[in-house]
Amino acid sequence: MHASTASSSTPGTQPQPQATGASIRLSHLAILDIRGDGAEQFLQGQTSAQVSLADSHFAPLTCFCTPKGRMIANGQLIRLASDHVRMLLSASLVEPLMKHLQKFAPFYKVTLSASEDVTVLGSALGDAENMAQALKMPLPSVPWQQVSDNEQRSILAFPPGDDEAGYRWLFILPEADGANWPTKGQLADWQLADIRRGLVWLDAEHQDKYLPQMINWEALGGISFKKGCYTGQEVVARAHFRGQVKKRLWRGSINSAETLSSGTGVKDDNERSVGEIVTSCVNDNGASEFLAVINTKAIDNQLPLSINGHCVELASLPYEIERLDPEQLALTISGQ
């Protein structure tokens, strides 16, 4: 089956009612705090985001790259104050990214710290409404929109996929607020929803492996092609404007409950390696759903693909694989 893309939602779409969800403690995600008067200038030279767009209403996706354009980490920028920006990212990458950025921090008089006194929770509509009401905060209603208060509590809206699950919300709360909130959902449920939305959170084993476009980061608004220089920018821009991205993130499944570890090979009908698993999760039907970086030629030629002898069934992504400027997303959110 040939992979296809279909846009199932447009920016500004209001979330629709759905079954009550259960909050999930997102232990795989964590927070890196950047504080200081030079925080914005510091980040502007290191990250793919136009940092000024992170304005306490829009929380743009972003990534940090090596000089060769390979990602060190990806995540989301959350502005709490003019001198305080948070980054949501994989817990396994907080220390490596902090070590990398610490080399430049003294020049901008900023401090970097791993926030160990926060709780990251995820929820679908029903429980999210209850949480927001208890916190006396409104739920954001546009993808990547942010609502924060003076207590450094934040709610982020995540876009819907092409299934019936609809919107999700991510809550970043002080430990005192989040520790006692009932969490009945399973982390695998949230991770499976990420897979179905074509969203990858890189972890430590993915460092220095992929260009941002290889995980469709520009299709999610995670790269600004209108900002100035940042580390790796020349390589990332050249790959975009010259059409040199030969690997892309695709969604698929195999009819097996086998756990697919990161790096597991995707092969064509001649047993040649054409890609690798980035993340996977077994669904309730006993099938393993995944996101994998695969050679575009194998996809374009509709080659039969397999993983560990199991036939791959490719599925659509809930977005078009084309450039989505974060500046456009920011305008959408500012108009709400």
Protein backbone atom coordinates (compact mmCIF):
# COMPACT_ATOMS: atom_id res chain seq x y z
CA MET A 1 0.00 0.00 0.00
CA HIS A 2 1.33 3.43 -0.92
CA ALA A 3 1.59 5.97 1.87
CA SER A 4 -0.61 9.01 1.43
CA THR A 5 -1.26 12.17 3.38
CA ALA A 6 -4.55 13.78 4.21
CA SER A 7 -5.16 16.94 6.15
CA SER A 8 -7.88 16.17 8.66
CA SER A 9 -7.90 19.50 10.45
CA THR A 10 -7.18 23.14 9.84
CA PRO A 11 -5.69 25.66 12.24
CA GLY A 12 -8.42 27.27 14.28
CA THR A 13 -10.74 24.25 14.28
CA GLN A 14 -12.56 24.05 17.60
CA PRO A 15 -12.34 20.75 19.49
CA GLN A 16 -15.42 18.57 19.35
CA PRO A 17 -16.97 16.76 22.34
CA GLN A 18 -15.80 13.21 22.86
CA ALA A 19 -15.70 10.49 25.46
CA THR A 20 -14.24 11.44 28.82
CA GLY A 21 -10.53 10.73 28.90
CA ALA A 22 -8.21 9.80 31.73
CA SER A 23 -5.16 11.82 32.65
CA ILE A 24 -1.77 10.28 31.95
CA ARG A 25 1.50 11.03 33.68
CA LEU A 26 3.93 11.72 30.82
CA SER A 27 7.11 10.47 32.44
CA HIS A 28 8.97 10.36 29.12
CA LEU A 29 8.83 14.17 28.81
CA ALA A 30 10.54 16.81 30.92
CA ILE A 31 11.27 20.53 31.14
CA LEU A 32 14.46 22.52 30.56
CA ASP A 33 14.29 26.08 31.91
CA ILE A 34 16.26 28.93 30.28
CA ARG A 35 16.34 32.07 32.42
CA GLY A 36 17.98 35.46 31.99
CA ASP A 37 17.59 38.75 30.15
CA GLY A 38 19.43 37.26 27.17
CA ALA A 39 17.27 34.13 26.93
CA GLU A 40 15.58 35.04 23.64
CA GLN A 41 18.79 36.14 21.93
CA PHE A 42 20.57 33.04 23.22
CA LEU A 43 17.92 30.67 21.89
CA GLN A 44 17.57 32.54 18.60
CA GLY A 45 21.09 31.52 17.64
CA GLN A 46 20.63 27.87 18.58
CA THR A 47 17.13 26.76 17.66
CA SER A 48 15.07 26.33 14.48
CA ALA A 49 12.19 28.38 15.91
CA GLN A 50 11.66 32.11 15.52
CA VAL A 51 11.91 32.58 19.27
CA SER A 52 9.96 35.85 19.33
CA LEU A 53 6.89 33.86 18.21
CA ALA A 54 6.90 32.13 21.60
CA ASP A 55 4.80 34.86 23.20
CA SER A 56 2.89 33.07 25.99
CA HIS A 57 0.07 32.31 23.50
CA PHE A 58 1.88 30.34 20.81
CA ALA A 59 4.23 27.54 21.88
CA PRO A 60 6.16 26.72 18.69
CA LEU A 61 7.79 23.40 17.97
CA THR A 62 11.54 23.63 17.56
CA CYS A 63 14.77 21.66 17.36
CA PHE A 64 18.46 22.06 18.09
CA CYS A 65 21.00 20.87 15.53
CA THR A 66 24.68 20.18 15.10
CA PRO A 67 26.63 22.27 12.56
CA LYS A 68 25.89 19.46 10.08
CA GLY A 69 22.15 19.96 10.54
CA ARG A 70 21.53 16.76 12.48
CA MET A 71 19.17 17.08 15.41
CA ILE A 72 20.40 17.01 18.99
CA ALA A 73 16.87 17.35 20.35
CA ASN A 74 13.41 18.48 19.34
CA GLY A 75 10.66 19.90 21.50
CA GLN A 76 8.37 22.84 22.17
CA LEU A 77 9.14 26.35 23.42
CA ILE A 78 6.96 27.77 26.19
CA ARG A 79 7.30 31.43 27.16
CA LEU A 80 6.57 32.21 30.80
CA ALA A 81 8.16 35.68 30.97
CA SER A 82 10.46 37.94 28.96
CA ASP A 83 13.41 36.35 30.76
CA HIS A 84 12.05 32.82 31.16
CA VAL A 85 11.53 30.28 28.38
CA ARG A 86 10.85 26.60 28.90
CA MET A 87 11.51 23.75 26.54
CA LEU A 88 9.42 20.60 26.63
CA LEU A 89 11.42 17.63 25.35
CA SER A 90 12.31 14.00 25.94
CA ALA A 91 13.44 13.41 29.51
CA SER A 92 16.47 11.50 28.22
CA LEU A 93 17.70 14.58 26.33
CA VAL A 94 17.48 17.24 29.03
CA GLU A 95 20.99 16.65 30.37
CA PRO A 96 22.66 16.18 26.93
CA LEU A 97 21.03 19.31 25.53
CA MET A 98 21.86 21.32 28.64
CA LYS A 99 25.49 20.21 28.38
CA HIS A 100 25.57 21.26 24.71
CA LEU A 101 23.98 24.67 25.33
CA GLN A 102 26.03 25.40 28.43
CA LYS A 103 29.00 26.16 26.15
CA PHE A 104 27.22 29.28 24.88
CA ALA A 105 25.17 30.30 27.92
CA PRO A 106 27.81 32.48 29.68
CA PHE A 107 27.98 34.83 26.67
CA TYR A 108 24.30 35.67 27.12
CA LYS A 109 24.18 35.59 30.92
CA VAL A 110 21.50 32.92 31.01
CA THR A 111 21.11 29.94 33.31
CA LEU A 112 19.97 26.48 32.28
CA SER A 113 18.29 24.09 34.69
CA ALA A 114 16.39 20.84 34.55
CA SER A 115 13.03 21.41 36.24
CA GLU A 116 12.57 18.56 38.67
CA ASP A 117 9.69 20.18 40.56
CA VAL A 118 7.12 19.97 37.75
CA THR A 119 4.65 17.33 36.64
CA VAL A 120 3.77 16.77 32.98
CA LEU A 121 0.29 15.33 32.41
CA GLY A 122 -1.67 14.56 29.27
CA SER A 123 -5.43 14.37 28.87
CA ALA A 124 -8.24 14.12 26.35
CA LEU A 125 -11.31 16.34 26.39
CA GLY A 126 -13.37 15.09 29.31
CA ASP A 127 -10.72 15.01 31.99
CA ALA A 128 -8.92 18.01 30.51
CA GLU A 129 -12.00 20.14 31.10
CA ASN A 130 -12.14 19.00 34.71
CA MET A 131 -8.45 19.78 35.21
CA ALA A 132 -8.71 23.22 33.61
CA GLN A 133 -11.75 24.03 35.73
CA ALA A 134 -9.95 22.97 38.90
CA LEU A 135 -6.98 25.14 37.93
CA LYS A 136 -9.32 28.03 36.97
CA MET A 137 -7.68 28.21 33.54
CA PRO A 138 -9.26 28.10 30.06
CA LEU A 139 -8.43 25.26 27.69
CA PRO A 140 -6.54 26.46 24.60
CA SER A 141 -8.46 25.59 21.44
CA VAL A 142 -5.94 25.84 18.58
CA PRO A 143 -3.01 23.47 17.88
CA TRP A 144 0.16 24.52 19.71
CA GLN A 145 -1.70 27.25 21.60
CA GLN A 146 -0.54 27.96 25.15
CA VAL A 147 -2.36 29.16 28.24
CA SER A 148 -0.27 29.97 31.32
CA ASP A 149 -0.79 31.71 34.63
CA ASN A 150 1.32 33.45 37.26
CA GLU A 151 1.90 30.17 39.06
CA GLN A 152 3.93 28.86 36.10
CA ARG A 153 1.20 26.43 35.20
CA SER A 154 0.75 25.86 31.47
CA ILE A 155 -1.74 24.06 29.23
CA LEU A 156 -0.81 23.24 25.62
CA ALA A 157 -3.24 22.14 22.90
CA PHE A 158 -2.09 19.28 20.69
CA PRO A 159 -3.67 18.85 17.23
CA PRO A 160 -6.13 16.07 16.40
CA GLY A 161 -5.21 13.14 14.20
CA ASP A 162 -7.14 11.27 11.54
CA ASP A 163 -8.84 9.01 14.07
CA GLU A 164 -11.71 9.79 16.43
CA ALA A 165 -9.51 10.70 19.38
CA GLY A 166 -9.66 14.44 18.67
CA TYR A 167 -7.71 17.06 20.57
CA ARG A 168 -5.37 16.36 23.46
CA TRP A 169 -4.00 18.72 26.08
CA LEU A 170 -0.69 18.69 27.89
CA PHE A 171 -0.51 20.18 31.38
CA ILE A 172 2.76 21.39 32.93
CA LEU A 173 2.15 21.91 36.63
CA PRO A 174 4.19 22.49 39.77
CA GLU A 175 4.70 19.16 41.50
CA ALA A 176 2.44 20.24 44.34
CA ASP A 177 -0.47 20.65 41.90
CA GLY A 178 0.14 17.62 39.73
CA ALA A 179 1.35 14.97 42.16
CA ASN A 180 -2.08 14.15 43.56
CA TRP A 181 -4.11 14.45 40.37
CA PRO A 182 -5.62 11.02 39.56
CA THR A 183 -3.98 9.40 36.53
CA LYS A 184 -5.80 6.37 35.19
CA GLY A 185 -4.53 6.41 31.62
CA GLN A 186 -1.49 4.51 30.37
CA LEU A 187 1.59 6.20 28.92
CA ALA A 188 1.34 3.88 25.89
CA ASP A 189 -2.04 5.44 25.04
CA TRP A 190 -0.47 8.88 24.71
CA GLN A 191 2.50 7.55 22.76
CA LEU A 192 0.19 5.70 20.38
CA ALA A 193 -1.75 8.93 19.83
CA ASP A 194 1.54 10.68 18.99
CA ILE A 195 2.29 7.97 16.42
CA ARG A 196 -1.13 8.38 14.82
CA ARG A 197 -0.50 12.12 14.61
CA GLY A 198 2.92 11.67 13.00
CA LEU A 199 4.67 13.33 15.94
CA VAL A 200 8.08 12.09 17.12
CA TRP A 201 9.84 13.06 20.33
CA LEU A 202 13.48 12.19 19.79
CA ASP A 203 15.33 10.58 22.67
CA ALA A 204 18.97 10.02 23.52
CA GLU A 205 19.54 7.23 21.01
CA HIS A 206 18.37 9.47 18.13
CA GLN A 207 20.92 12.21 18.67
CA ASP A 208 22.88 13.32 15.60
CA LYS A 209 21.00 10.94 13.27
CA TYR A 210 18.32 12.91 11.43
CA LEU A 211 17.85 16.18 9.63
CA PRO A 212 14.69 17.91 10.92
CA GLN A 213 12.90 17.23 7.63
CA MET A 214 13.46 13.50 8.07
CA ILE A 215 10.88 13.57 10.87
CA ASN A 216 8.60 15.94 8.91
CA TRP A 217 9.41 18.74 11.32
CA GLU A 218 8.81 21.51 8.77
CA ALA A 219 5.37 20.01 7.98
CA LEU A 220 4.44 20.50 11.64
CA GLY A 221 5.69 24.09 11.75
CA GLY A 222 8.88 23.22 13.62
CA ILE A 223 11.28 25.13 11.34
CA SER A 224 11.30 28.82 10.54
CA PHE A 225 12.82 29.47 7.13
CA LYS A 226 12.36 33.22 7.64
CA LYS A 227 14.67 33.71 10.63
CA GLY A 228 18.36 34.41 10.67
CA CYS A 229 21.22 32.04 11.28
CA TYR A 230 21.26 29.31 13.91
CA THR A 231 23.50 26.31 14.35
CA GLY A 232 22.89 23.92 11.44
CA GLN A 233 20.66 26.41 9.60
CA GLU A 234 22.64 26.37 6.34
CA VAL A 235 22.36 22.60 5.96
CA VAL A 236 18.67 22.53 6.92
CA ALA A 237 17.83 25.35 4.49
CA ARG A 238 19.84 23.82 1.65
CA ALA A 239 18.08 20.47 2.07
CA HIS A 240 14.73 22.28 1.86
CA PHE A 241 15.35 24.62 -1.05
CA ARG A 242 17.27 22.08 -3.13
CA GLY A 243 14.86 19.26 -2.43
CA GLN A 244 17.59 17.02 -1.04
CA VAL A 245 15.56 15.23 1.62
CA LYS A 246 15.76 11.59 0.59
CA LYS A 247 14.30 10.12 3.78
CA ARG A 248 10.98 10.91 5.41
CA LEU A 249 8.90 9.91 8.40
CA TRP A 250 6.11 7.48 7.54
CA ARG A 251 3.43 5.86 9.61
CA GLY A 252 2.61 2.17 9.41
CA SER A 253 1.85 -1.08 11.21
CA ILE A 254 2.57 -4.80 11.19
CA ASN A 255 0.14 -7.52 12.19
CA SER A 256 2.18 -8.59 15.18
CA ALA A 257 2.39 -7.61 18.84
CA GLU A 258 6.16 -7.71 18.57
CA THR A 259 7.89 -4.79 20.26
CA LEU A 260 9.80 -2.83 17.64
CA SER A 261 12.78 -1.12 19.19
CA SER A 262 14.20 2.08 17.78
CA GLY A 263 16.55 1.30 14.91
CA THR A 264 14.79 -1.90 13.83
CA GLY A 265 15.24 -2.14 10.07
CA VAL A 266 12.59 -1.69 7.39
CA LYS A 267 13.39 -3.80 4.31
CA ASP A 268 12.18 -3.96 0.73
CA ASP A 269 11.25 -7.14 -1.18
CA ASN A 270 14.95 -7.78 -1.89
CA GLU A 271 15.79 -7.64 1.82
CA ARG A 272 17.61 -4.37 1.36
CA SER A 273 17.42 -1.89 4.22
CA VAL A 274 15.37 1.15 3.22
CA GLY A 275 14.58 2.62 6.64
CA GLU A 276 14.39 2.20 10.37
CA ILE A 277 11.90 2.40 13.21
CA VAL A 278 11.94 5.59 15.26
CA THR A 279 9.10 4.83 17.66
CA SER A 280 6.41 2.14 18.01
CA CYS A 281 3.57 0.99 20.21
CA VAL A 282 1.29 -2.08 20.28
CA ASN A 283 -2.43 -1.22 19.95
CA ASP A 284 -5.43 -2.93 21.56
CA ASN A 285 -5.83 -5.22 18.53
CA GLY A 286 -2.37 -6.69 18.94
CA ALA A 287 -0.81 -4.86 16.00
CA SER A 288 2.38 -2.84 16.31
CA GLU A 289 1.96 0.71 15.02
CA PHE A 290 5.06 2.75 14.28
CA LEU A 291 6.74 5.77 12.80
CA ALA A 292 9.79 5.04 10.68
CA VAL A 293 12.25 7.06 8.63
CA ILE A 294 12.15 5.47 5.16
CA ASN A 295 13.80 6.28 1.83
CA THR A 296 11.36 8.29 -0.26
CA LYS A 297 12.28 6.30 -3.37
CA ALA A 298 10.98 3.10 -1.76
CA ILE A 299 7.72 4.87 -0.94
CA ASP A 300 7.37 6.51 -4.36
CA ASN A 301 7.98 3.17 -6.10
CA GLN A 302 5.39 1.51 -3.84
CA LEU A 303 7.81 -1.28 -2.96
CA PRO A 304 6.54 -4.04 -0.64
CA LEU A 305 8.08 -3.42 2.76
CA SER A 306 8.64 -5.69 5.74
CA ILE A 307 9.90 -5.58 9.32
CA ASN A 308 11.31 -8.76 10.85
CA GLY A 309 9.48 -10.78 8.19
CA HIS A 310 6.11 -9.08 8.78
CA CYS A 311 4.46 -7.19 5.94
CA VAL A 312 4.21 -3.43 6.48
CA GLU A 313 0.88 -1.69 6.00
CA LEU A 314 1.47 2.02 5.49
CA ALA A 315 -1.11 4.51 6.75
CA SER A 316 -1.87 8.15 6.08
CA LEU A 317 -0.56 11.03 8.12
CA PRO A 318 -2.95 13.74 9.37
CA TYR A 319 -0.95 16.48 7.65
CA GLU A 320 0.51 17.24 4.25
CA ILE A 321 4.23 16.73 3.84
CA GLU A 322 4.94 20.30 2.89
CA ARG A 323 6.34 23.38 4.55
CA LEU A 324 4.16 24.97 7.23
CA ASP A 325 5.62 28.24 8.45
CA PRO A 326 5.35 28.82 12.21
CA GLU A 327 4.73 32.48 11.40
CA GLN A 328 1.46 31.37 9.79
CA LEU A 329 0.51 29.37 12.87
CA ALA A 330 1.27 32.34 15.11
CA LEU A 331 -1.09 34.55 13.10
CA THR A 332 -3.83 31.94 13.42
CA ILE A 333 -3.46 31.84 17.19
CA SER A 334 -3.25 35.62 17.56
CA GLY A 335 -6.60 35.88 15.75
CA GLN A 336 -8.40 33.77 18.35
